Amino acid sequence: MIVSKQKAIPVIWNELKMEIGFRVDLIVENKVIIEVKSVESIAKVHPKQLLTYLRLTGLKLGLLINFNESLIKNGITRIVNNL
């Protein structure tokens, strides 16, 4: 299994290239982005942030994981990009 952590993703927009457009927490097998949080509750912006990462990278699946939950399964949200 190939896991990349804290990977800088370049962004190109209207001929402007930013070498580090954003940083994803984990990418697994070049297929799944995992965004890690430890917050009281997931805000509306967090799933949108992950969906934006998916769209910019062309990947289809992401997991938003909030470690500030008593049961970790309650802190996992699956986000998809055009599946």
C-alpha atoms as a PDB file:
ATOM      1  CA  MET A   1       0.000   0.000   0.000  1.00  0.00           C
ATOM      2  CA  ILE A   2       1.339   3.415  -0.980  1.00  0.00           C
ATOM      3  CA  VAL A   3       0.520   6.291   1.358  1.00  0.00           C
ATOM      4  CA  SER A   4       1.649   9.876   0.794  1.00  0.00           C
ATOM      5  CA  LYS A   5       1.364  12.244   3.730  1.00  0.00           C
ATOM      6  CA  GLN A   6       1.200  16.041   3.728  1.00  0.00           C
ATOM      7  CA  LYS A   7       1.516  16.182  -0.026  1.00  0.00           C
ATOM      8  CA  ALA A   8       1.684  19.625  -1.641  1.00  0.00           C
ATOM      9  CA  ILE A   9      -0.640  19.864  -4.641  1.00  0.00           C
ATOM     10  CA  PRO A  10       0.017  22.543  -7.291  1.00  0.00           C
ATOM     11  CA  VAL A  11      -2.950  24.494  -8.646  1.00  0.00           C
ATOM     12  CA  ILE A  12      -3.169  26.017 -12.134  1.00  0.00           C
ATOM     13  CA  TRP A  13      -5.885  28.598 -12.773  1.00  0.00           C
ATOM     14  CA  ASN A  14      -6.096  31.005 -15.718  1.00  0.00           C
ATOM     15  CA  GLU A  15      -2.426  30.487 -16.612  1.00  0.00           C
ATOM     16  CA  LEU A  16      -1.421  31.202 -12.995  1.00  0.00           C
ATOM     17  CA  LYS A  17       0.444  28.294 -11.415  1.00  0.00           C
ATOM     18  CA  MET A  18       0.818  28.019  -7.664  1.00  0.00           C
ATOM     19  CA  GLU A  19       3.402  25.375  -6.787  1.00  0.00           C
ATOM     20  CA  ILE A  20       1.709  24.753  -3.445  1.00  0.00           C
ATOM     21  CA  GLY A  21      -1.994  25.400  -3.949  1.00  0.00           C
ATOM     22  CA  PHE A  22      -2.958  23.290  -0.943  1.00  0.00           C
ATOM     23  CA  ARG A  23      -1.709  20.377   1.148  1.00  0.00           C
ATOM     24  CA  VAL A  24      -3.654  17.180   1.615  1.00  0.00           C
ATOM     25  CA  ASP A  25      -3.176  15.173   4.796  1.00  0.00           C
ATOM     26  CA  LEU A  26      -2.998  11.705   3.194  1.00  0.00           C
ATOM     27  CA  ILE A  27      -3.400  10.172  -0.249  1.00  0.00           C
ATOM     28  CA  VAL A  28      -3.761   6.381  -0.346  1.00  0.00           C
ATOM     29  CA  GLU A  29      -2.827   4.474  -3.519  1.00  0.00           C
ATOM     30  CA  ASN A  30      -3.353   7.673  -5.558  1.00  0.00           C
ATOM     31  CA  LYS A  31      -7.087   7.020  -5.202  1.00  0.00           C
ATOM     32  CA  VAL A  32      -8.368   8.238  -1.825  1.00  0.00           C
ATOM     33  CA  ILE A  33      -7.754  11.524  -0.040  1.00  0.00           C
ATOM     34  CA  ILE A  34      -7.971  11.385   3.736  1.00  0.00           C
ATOM     35  CA  GLU A  35      -8.489  14.698   5.496  1.00  0.00           C
ATOM     36  CA  VAL A  36      -7.819  14.511   9.237  1.00  0.00           C
ATOM     37  CA  LYS A  37      -9.444  16.802  11.782  1.00  0.00           C
ATOM     38  CA  SER A  38      -9.655  16.943  15.562  1.00  0.00           C
ATOM     39  CA  VAL A  39     -12.421  19.444  16.198  1.00  0.00           C
ATOM     40  CA  GLU A  40     -15.466  19.702  18.467  1.00  0.00           C
ATOM     41  CA  SER A  41     -17.726  19.199  15.445  1.00  0.00           C
ATOM     42  CA  ILE A  42     -17.301  19.137  11.701  1.00  0.00           C
ATOM     43  CA  ALA A  43     -18.214  22.513  10.210  1.00  0.00           C
ATOM     44  CA  LYS A  44     -20.041  22.874   6.891  1.00  0.00           C
ATOM     45  CA  VAL A  45     -16.812  24.066   5.284  1.00  0.00           C
ATOM     46  CA  HIS A  46     -14.879  20.842   6.018  1.00  0.00           C
ATOM     47  CA  PRO A  47     -16.732  18.533   3.554  1.00  0.00           C
ATOM     48  CA  LYS A  48     -16.643  21.331   0.961  1.00  0.00           C
ATOM     49  CA  GLN A  49     -12.890  21.668   1.472  1.00  0.00           C
ATOM     50  CA  LEU A  50     -12.386  17.947   0.854  1.00  0.00           C
ATOM     51  CA  LEU A  51     -14.673  18.008  -2.199  1.00  0.00           C
ATOM     52  CA  THR A  52     -12.600  20.878  -3.609  1.00  0.00           C
ATOM     53  CA  TYR A  53      -9.424  18.828  -3.062  1.00  0.00           C
ATOM     54  CA  LEU A  54     -11.031  15.905  -4.905  1.00  0.00           C
ATOM     55  CA  ARG A  55     -12.070  18.095  -7.836  1.00  0.00           C
ATOM     56  CA  LEU A  56      -8.666  19.757  -8.147  1.00  0.00           C
ATOM     57  CA  THR A  57      -6.809  16.419  -8.077  1.00  0.00           C
ATOM     58  CA  GLY A  58      -9.334  14.527 -10.215  1.00  0.00           C
ATOM     59  CA  LEU A  59      -9.710  11.862  -7.527  1.00  0.00           C
ATOM     60  CA  LYS A  60     -13.123  10.378  -6.812  1.00  0.00           C
ATOM     61  CA  LEU A  61     -13.167   9.388  -3.125  1.00  0.00           C
ATOM     62  CA  GLY A  62     -12.275  11.105   0.121  1.00  0.00           C
ATOM     63  CA  LEU A  63     -12.656  10.391   3.817  1.00  0.00           C
ATOM     64  CA  LEU A  64     -13.068  13.180   6.333  1.00  0.00           C
ATOM     65  CA  ILE A  65     -12.020  11.844   9.743  1.00  0.00           C
ATOM     66  CA  ASN A  66     -12.652  13.708  12.992  1.00  0.00           C
ATOM     67  CA  PHE A  67     -10.626  12.146  15.802  1.00  0.00           C
ATOM     68  CA  ASN A  68     -12.487  14.149  18.457  1.00  0.00           C
ATOM     69  CA  GLU A  69     -15.263  11.554  18.756  1.00  0.00           C
ATOM     70  CA  SER A  70     -15.794   8.936  21.458  1.00  0.00           C
ATOM     71  CA  LEU A  71     -16.224   6.299  18.717  1.00  0.00           C
ATOM     72  CA  ILE A  72     -14.029   6.809  15.659  1.00  0.00           C
ATOM     73  CA  LYS A  73     -16.715   5.369  13.363  1.00  0.00           C
ATOM     74  CA  ASN A  74     -18.913   8.357  14.272  1.00  0.00           C
ATOM     75  CA  GLY A  75     -16.217  10.710  13.062  1.00  0.00           C
ATOM     76  CA  ILE A  76     -15.826   9.311   9.521  1.00  0.00           C
ATOM     77  CA  THR A  77     -17.584  10.980   6.599  1.00  0.00           C
ATOM     78  CA  ARG A  78     -17.309   9.686   3.037  1.00  0.00           C
ATOM     79  CA  ILE A  79     -17.124  12.357   0.339  1.00  0.00           C
ATOM     80  CA  VAL A  80     -17.383  11.496  -3.366  1.00  0.00           C
ATOM     81  CA  ASN A  81     -16.603  13.460  -6.510  1.00  0.00           C
ATOM     82  CA  ASN A  82     -19.037  12.533  -9.327  1.00  0.00           C
ATOM     83  CA  LEU A  83     -19.400   8.838  -8.518  1.00  0.00           C
END
